[in-house]
N, C-alpha and C. Protein backbone atom coordinates (compact mmCIF):
# COMPACT_ATOMS: atom_id res chain seq x y z
N MET A 1 0.84 -1.19 0.00
CA MET A 1 0.00 0.00 0.00
C MET A 1 0.88 1.23 0.00
N LYS A 2 0.46 2.20 -0.81
CA LYS A 2 1.16 3.48 -0.81
C LYS A 2 0.18 4.56 -1.24
N VAL A 3 0.43 5.76 -0.78
CA VAL A 3 -0.37 6.90 -1.17
C VAL A 3 0.13 7.38 -2.53
N ILE A 4 -0.79 7.63 -3.44
CA ILE A 4 -0.43 8.13 -4.77
C ILE A 4 -0.97 9.55 -4.89
N ASN A 5 -0.07 10.48 -5.15
CA ASN A 5 -0.46 11.87 -5.33
C ASN A 5 -0.75 12.08 -6.81
N ILE A 6 -2.01 12.27 -7.14
CA ILE A 6 -2.43 12.36 -8.53
C ILE A 6 -1.83 13.58 -9.22
N ALA A 7 -1.77 14.72 -8.55
CA ALA A 7 -1.19 15.93 -9.15
C ALA A 7 0.29 15.70 -9.47
N ASP A 8 1.02 15.03 -8.57
CA ASP A 8 2.42 14.72 -8.84
C ASP A 8 2.56 13.82 -10.05
N LYS A 9 1.69 12.85 -10.18
CA LYS A 9 1.75 11.95 -11.34
C LYS A 9 1.48 12.70 -12.64
N PHE A 10 0.52 13.62 -12.64
CA PHE A 10 0.27 14.41 -13.84
C PHE A 10 1.48 15.26 -14.23
N SER A 11 2.27 15.67 -13.24
CA SER A 11 3.45 16.51 -13.54
C SER A 11 4.60 15.70 -14.15
N CYS A 12 4.48 14.39 -14.19
CA CYS A 12 5.55 13.52 -14.71
C CYS A 12 5.55 13.37 -16.22
N PHE A 13 4.54 13.88 -16.89
CA PHE A 13 4.48 13.71 -18.35
C PHE A 13 3.77 14.89 -19.00
N GLN A 14 4.04 15.08 -20.29
CA GLN A 14 3.45 16.19 -21.04
C GLN A 14 2.69 15.73 -22.27
N ASP A 15 2.93 14.51 -22.75
CA ASP A 15 2.33 14.06 -24.01
C ASP A 15 0.82 13.88 -23.88
N HIS A 16 0.15 14.07 -25.01
CA HIS A 16 -1.31 13.95 -25.06
C HIS A 16 -1.71 12.60 -25.65
N TRP A 17 -2.88 12.13 -25.21
CA TRP A 17 -3.50 10.90 -25.73
C TRP A 17 -2.66 9.65 -25.49
N SER A 18 -1.88 9.65 -24.43
CA SER A 18 -1.04 8.50 -24.11
C SER A 18 -1.18 8.17 -22.62
N PRO A 19 -2.24 7.43 -22.26
CA PRO A 19 -2.49 7.15 -20.84
C PRO A 19 -1.31 6.48 -20.13
N LYS A 20 -1.14 6.83 -18.86
CA LYS A 20 -0.08 6.27 -18.02
C LYS A 20 -0.75 5.51 -16.87
N ILE A 21 -0.26 4.32 -16.59
CA ILE A 21 -0.82 3.50 -15.51
C ILE A 21 -0.24 3.97 -14.18
N ILE A 22 -1.13 4.25 -13.23
CA ILE A 22 -0.67 4.64 -11.89
C ILE A 22 -1.04 3.61 -10.84
N GLY A 23 -1.83 2.61 -11.21
CA GLY A 23 -2.19 1.58 -10.26
C GLY A 23 -3.02 0.48 -10.91
N GLU A 24 -3.11 -0.65 -10.21
CA GLU A 24 -3.94 -1.77 -10.65
C GLU A 24 -4.76 -2.27 -9.48
N MET A 25 -5.98 -2.73 -9.79
CA MET A 25 -6.87 -3.18 -8.74
C MET A 25 -7.91 -4.12 -9.35
N ASN A 26 -8.00 -5.32 -8.86
CA ASN A 26 -9.04 -6.27 -9.27
C ASN A 26 -9.14 -6.42 -10.79
N GLY A 27 -8.00 -6.52 -11.46
CA GLY A 27 -8.01 -6.68 -12.90
C GLY A 27 -8.26 -5.39 -13.67
N GLN A 28 -8.29 -4.29 -12.98
CA GLN A 28 -8.51 -2.98 -13.60
C GLN A 28 -7.22 -2.16 -13.50
N GLU A 29 -6.98 -1.34 -14.51
CA GLU A 29 -5.85 -0.41 -14.46
C GLU A 29 -6.40 1.00 -14.25
N ILE A 30 -5.74 1.74 -13.38
CA ILE A 30 -6.08 3.13 -13.16
C ILE A 30 -5.06 3.94 -13.95
N LYS A 31 -5.55 4.76 -14.88
CA LYS A 31 -4.67 5.49 -15.79
C LYS A 31 -4.96 6.99 -15.72
N LEU A 32 -3.91 7.76 -15.98
CA LEU A 32 -4.04 9.20 -16.12
C LEU A 32 -3.66 9.56 -17.54
N ALA A 33 -4.31 10.57 -18.09
CA ALA A 33 -3.95 11.05 -19.42
C ALA A 33 -4.20 12.54 -19.51
N LYS A 34 -3.36 13.18 -20.30
CA LYS A 34 -3.58 14.57 -20.69
C LYS A 34 -4.04 14.50 -22.14
N ILE A 35 -5.10 15.23 -22.43
CA ILE A 35 -5.63 15.19 -23.80
C ILE A 35 -5.86 16.60 -24.31
N LYS A 36 -5.69 16.75 -25.61
CA LYS A 36 -5.96 18.03 -26.25
C LYS A 36 -6.21 17.76 -27.72
N GLY A 37 -7.25 18.39 -28.26
CA GLY A 37 -7.62 18.16 -29.65
C GLY A 37 -8.67 17.06 -29.75
N GLU A 38 -8.73 16.44 -30.92
CA GLU A 38 -9.74 15.40 -31.16
C GLU A 38 -9.09 14.03 -31.21
N PHE A 39 -9.78 13.06 -30.64
CA PHE A 39 -9.35 11.67 -30.70
C PHE A 39 -10.03 11.02 -31.89
N VAL A 40 -10.02 9.73 -31.98
CA VAL A 40 -10.63 9.00 -33.10
C VAL A 40 -11.96 8.38 -32.65
N TRP A 41 -12.86 8.20 -33.61
CA TRP A 41 -14.09 7.46 -33.33
C TRP A 41 -13.70 6.02 -33.01
N HIS A 42 -14.24 5.50 -31.90
CA HIS A 42 -13.95 4.12 -31.52
C HIS A 42 -15.00 3.62 -30.54
N ASP A 43 -14.99 2.33 -30.31
CA ASP A 43 -15.82 1.73 -29.26
C ASP A 43 -15.11 0.51 -28.72
N TYR A 44 -15.68 -0.07 -27.68
CA TYR A 44 -15.16 -1.29 -27.08
C TYR A 44 -16.29 -2.30 -27.09
N LYS A 45 -16.03 -3.45 -27.66
CA LYS A 45 -17.07 -4.48 -27.80
C LYS A 45 -17.47 -5.11 -26.47
N GLU A 46 -16.50 -5.27 -25.56
CA GLU A 46 -16.74 -6.02 -24.33
C GLU A 46 -16.64 -5.21 -23.04
N GLU A 47 -16.19 -3.96 -23.14
CA GLU A 47 -15.91 -3.19 -21.92
C GLU A 47 -16.61 -1.84 -21.94
N ASP A 48 -17.06 -1.42 -20.75
CA ASP A 48 -17.51 -0.05 -20.55
C ASP A 48 -16.26 0.80 -20.36
N GLU A 49 -16.39 2.12 -20.52
CA GLU A 49 -15.25 3.01 -20.33
C GLU A 49 -15.66 4.13 -19.39
N LEU A 50 -14.83 4.39 -18.39
CA LEU A 50 -15.09 5.42 -17.40
C LEU A 50 -14.13 6.58 -17.60
N PHE A 51 -14.65 7.78 -17.78
CA PHE A 51 -13.87 9.01 -17.87
C PHE A 51 -14.15 9.85 -16.63
N ILE A 52 -13.11 10.19 -15.88
CA ILE A 52 -13.22 11.11 -14.74
C ILE A 52 -12.40 12.34 -15.10
N VAL A 53 -13.04 13.50 -15.14
CA VAL A 53 -12.33 14.73 -15.49
C VAL A 53 -11.74 15.33 -14.22
N VAL A 54 -10.42 15.40 -14.19
CA VAL A 54 -9.69 15.95 -13.05
C VAL A 54 -9.48 17.44 -13.22
N LYS A 55 -9.22 17.87 -14.47
CA LYS A 55 -8.99 19.28 -14.75
C LYS A 55 -9.49 19.59 -16.16
N GLY A 56 -10.25 20.67 -16.31
CA GLY A 56 -10.70 21.09 -17.62
C GLY A 56 -12.11 20.62 -17.95
N THR A 57 -12.44 20.71 -19.23
CA THR A 57 -13.76 20.30 -19.73
C THR A 57 -13.57 19.39 -20.94
N LEU A 58 -14.13 18.21 -20.86
CA LEU A 58 -14.06 17.21 -21.91
C LEU A 58 -15.40 17.14 -22.63
N LYS A 59 -15.34 17.08 -23.95
CA LYS A 59 -16.55 16.81 -24.73
C LYS A 59 -16.40 15.41 -25.32
N ILE A 60 -17.49 14.67 -25.32
CA ILE A 60 -17.49 13.37 -25.97
C ILE A 60 -18.63 13.36 -26.97
N GLU A 61 -18.26 13.19 -28.23
CA GLU A 61 -19.26 13.11 -29.29
C GLU A 61 -19.73 11.67 -29.42
N PHE A 62 -21.02 11.54 -29.57
CA PHE A 62 -21.66 10.27 -29.90
C PHE A 62 -22.35 10.51 -31.23
N ARG A 63 -22.81 9.48 -31.87
CA ARG A 63 -23.42 9.64 -33.19
C ARG A 63 -24.71 10.47 -33.12
N ASP A 64 -25.34 10.53 -31.93
CA ASP A 64 -26.62 11.24 -31.82
C ASP A 64 -26.59 12.47 -30.91
N ARG A 65 -25.44 12.72 -30.24
CA ARG A 65 -25.38 13.88 -29.34
C ARG A 65 -23.95 14.08 -28.85
N THR A 66 -23.74 15.17 -28.13
CA THR A 66 -22.45 15.46 -27.52
C THR A 66 -22.66 15.72 -26.03
N LEU A 67 -21.83 15.10 -25.20
CA LEU A 67 -21.86 15.37 -23.76
C LEU A 67 -20.69 16.26 -23.38
N GLU A 68 -20.89 17.12 -22.40
CA GLU A 68 -19.82 17.93 -21.83
C GLU A 68 -19.61 17.48 -20.40
N ILE A 69 -18.38 17.08 -20.09
CA ILE A 69 -18.04 16.59 -18.76
C ILE A 69 -17.05 17.59 -18.16
N ASN A 70 -17.44 18.20 -17.07
CA ASN A 70 -16.63 19.24 -16.44
C ASN A 70 -15.76 18.68 -15.32
N GLU A 71 -14.83 19.50 -14.88
CA GLU A 71 -13.94 19.14 -13.78
C GLU A 71 -14.75 18.62 -12.59
N GLY A 72 -14.34 17.46 -12.07
CA GLY A 72 -15.03 16.87 -10.94
C GLY A 72 -16.20 15.99 -11.34
N GLU A 73 -16.46 15.85 -12.64
CA GLU A 73 -17.55 15.00 -13.12
C GLU A 73 -16.99 13.78 -13.83
N MET A 74 -17.84 12.81 -14.05
CA MET A 74 -17.45 11.60 -14.75
C MET A 74 -18.59 11.10 -15.62
N VAL A 75 -18.24 10.23 -16.56
CA VAL A 75 -19.25 9.61 -17.41
C VAL A 75 -18.79 8.19 -17.71
N ILE A 76 -19.74 7.29 -17.79
CA ILE A 76 -19.47 5.91 -18.17
C ILE A 76 -20.05 5.71 -19.56
N VAL A 77 -19.18 5.33 -20.51
CA VAL A 77 -19.61 5.04 -21.87
C VAL A 77 -19.83 3.53 -21.95
N PRO A 78 -21.07 3.09 -22.19
CA PRO A 78 -21.34 1.64 -22.24
C PRO A 78 -20.63 0.95 -23.40
N LYS A 79 -20.31 -0.31 -23.19
CA LYS A 79 -19.66 -1.08 -24.26
C LYS A 79 -20.51 -1.04 -25.52
N GLY A 80 -19.82 -1.01 -26.66
CA GLY A 80 -20.49 -1.00 -27.94
C GLY A 80 -20.94 0.37 -28.43
N VAL A 81 -20.77 1.41 -27.61
CA VAL A 81 -21.21 2.75 -28.00
C VAL A 81 -20.02 3.50 -28.62
N GLU A 82 -20.16 3.85 -29.89
CA GLU A 82 -19.11 4.57 -30.59
C GLU A 82 -19.04 6.00 -30.07
N HIS A 83 -17.82 6.48 -29.86
CA HIS A 83 -17.63 7.81 -29.29
C HIS A 83 -16.29 8.40 -29.72
N LYS A 84 -16.19 9.74 -29.58
CA LYS A 84 -14.97 10.46 -29.92
C LYS A 84 -14.75 11.57 -28.89
N PRO A 85 -13.74 11.42 -28.01
CA PRO A 85 -13.42 12.48 -27.06
C PRO A 85 -12.79 13.69 -27.76
N ILE A 86 -13.12 14.87 -27.24
CA ILE A 86 -12.58 16.12 -27.77
C ILE A 86 -12.23 17.04 -26.59
N ALA A 87 -11.03 17.62 -26.66
CA ALA A 87 -10.61 18.57 -25.63
C ALA A 87 -10.15 19.84 -26.35
N GLU A 88 -10.97 20.88 -26.28
CA GLU A 88 -10.62 22.14 -26.94
C GLU A 88 -9.41 22.78 -26.29
N GLU A 89 -9.28 22.64 -24.99
CA GLU A 89 -8.10 23.04 -24.22
C GLU A 89 -7.58 21.78 -23.54
N GLU A 90 -6.38 21.82 -23.01
CA GLU A 90 -5.83 20.63 -22.37
C GLU A 90 -6.72 20.19 -21.20
N VAL A 91 -6.98 18.89 -21.14
CA VAL A 91 -7.81 18.29 -20.10
C VAL A 91 -7.03 17.16 -19.45
N PHE A 92 -7.15 17.04 -18.12
CA PHE A 92 -6.55 15.93 -17.38
C PHE A 92 -7.68 14.96 -17.04
N ILE A 93 -7.51 13.69 -17.40
CA ILE A 93 -8.53 12.69 -17.10
C ILE A 93 -7.93 11.49 -16.38
N MET A 94 -8.80 10.81 -15.65
CA MET A 94 -8.48 9.53 -15.04
C MET A 94 -9.39 8.51 -15.70
N LEU A 95 -8.81 7.36 -16.02
CA LEU A 95 -9.56 6.26 -16.63
C LEU A 95 -9.41 5.04 -15.73
N ILE A 96 -10.48 4.28 -15.61
CA ILE A 96 -10.41 2.99 -14.92
C ILE A 96 -10.94 1.96 -15.91
N GLU A 97 -10.03 1.08 -16.34
CA GLU A 97 -10.34 0.18 -17.45
C GLU A 97 -9.79 -1.22 -17.17
N PRO A 98 -10.39 -2.25 -17.76
CA PRO A 98 -9.83 -3.59 -17.61
C PRO A 98 -8.40 -3.66 -18.13
N LYS A 99 -7.57 -4.40 -17.43
CA LYS A 99 -6.18 -4.58 -17.85
C LYS A 99 -6.15 -5.14 -19.27
N GLY A 100 -5.29 -4.56 -20.10
CA GLY A 100 -5.12 -5.06 -21.46
C GLY A 100 -6.07 -4.48 -22.48
N ILE A 101 -6.94 -3.55 -22.09
CA ILE A 101 -7.87 -2.95 -23.05
C ILE A 101 -7.07 -2.23 -24.13
N LYS A 102 -7.55 -2.30 -25.34
CA LYS A 102 -6.90 -1.61 -26.45
C LYS A 102 -7.29 -0.14 -26.42
N HIS A 103 -6.30 0.71 -26.59
CA HIS A 103 -6.45 2.17 -26.45
C HIS A 103 -7.54 2.74 -27.36
N THR A 104 -7.64 2.25 -28.57
CA THR A 104 -8.61 2.77 -29.53
C THR A 104 -9.58 1.69 -29.99
N GLY A 105 -9.83 0.71 -29.13
CA GLY A 105 -10.71 -0.40 -29.53
C GLY A 105 -10.09 -1.16 -30.68
N ASP A 106 -10.87 -1.46 -31.69
CA ASP A 106 -10.37 -2.18 -32.86
C ASP A 106 -9.80 -1.26 -33.93
N VAL A 107 -9.84 0.05 -33.68
CA VAL A 107 -9.35 1.03 -34.66
C VAL A 107 -7.83 1.17 -34.52
N LYS A 108 -7.13 1.11 -35.64
CA LYS A 108 -5.68 1.38 -35.66
C LYS A 108 -5.49 2.81 -36.16
N HIS A 109 -4.72 3.59 -35.43
CA HIS A 109 -4.55 5.01 -35.75
C HIS A 109 -3.19 5.46 -35.23
N ASP A 110 -2.72 6.59 -35.71
CA ASP A 110 -1.45 7.14 -35.22
C ASP A 110 -1.48 7.38 -33.71
N LEU A 111 -2.65 7.61 -33.14
CA LEU A 111 -2.77 7.85 -31.70
C LEU A 111 -2.86 6.56 -30.87
N THR A 112 -2.97 5.41 -31.52
CA THR A 112 -3.10 4.15 -30.80
C THR A 112 -1.84 3.89 -29.96
N VAL A 113 -2.05 3.55 -28.70
CA VAL A 113 -0.96 3.19 -27.80
C VAL A 113 -0.94 1.68 -27.67
N GLU A 114 0.17 1.08 -28.01
CA GLU A 114 0.29 -0.38 -27.94
C GLU A 114 0.70 -0.85 -26.56
N LYS A 115 1.54 -0.07 -25.87
CA LYS A 115 2.02 -0.44 -24.54
C LYS A 115 2.00 0.80 -23.65
N TYR A 116 1.30 0.69 -22.54
CA TYR A 116 1.17 1.83 -21.62
C TYR A 116 2.38 1.93 -20.70
N ASP A 117 2.85 3.16 -20.50
CA ASP A 117 3.90 3.40 -19.52
C ASP A 117 3.31 3.35 -18.12
N LYS A 118 4.13 2.92 -17.15
CA LYS A 118 3.73 2.94 -15.76
C LYS A 118 4.48 4.04 -15.05
N LEU A 119 3.76 4.79 -14.21
CA LEU A 119 4.39 5.85 -13.42
C LEU A 119 4.51 5.41 -11.96
């Protein structure tokens, strides 16, 4: 057991769209990411996705609407729902996802992360 300072972990990296693992629990990975700009349309066939906004405002486009998630808020995207995160300004997010989940689902893109760094 150890205390993890989330702000300190965010200060360890600058790159966007490249989640960093800060912990594991019950087959889940806890990740931090800095994002800015638009991501790719993607979904997950077997997993839900949890976005927790630590700093900034995140928009997530769906085929039928757009959600705005503000600092201190979270949203769960159900499995199979296609979505595209957008950050007009830099946003800090926390993700809690099953270990081994593919960064962009089945989509291959320049932003796809094959191996996550651990902090």
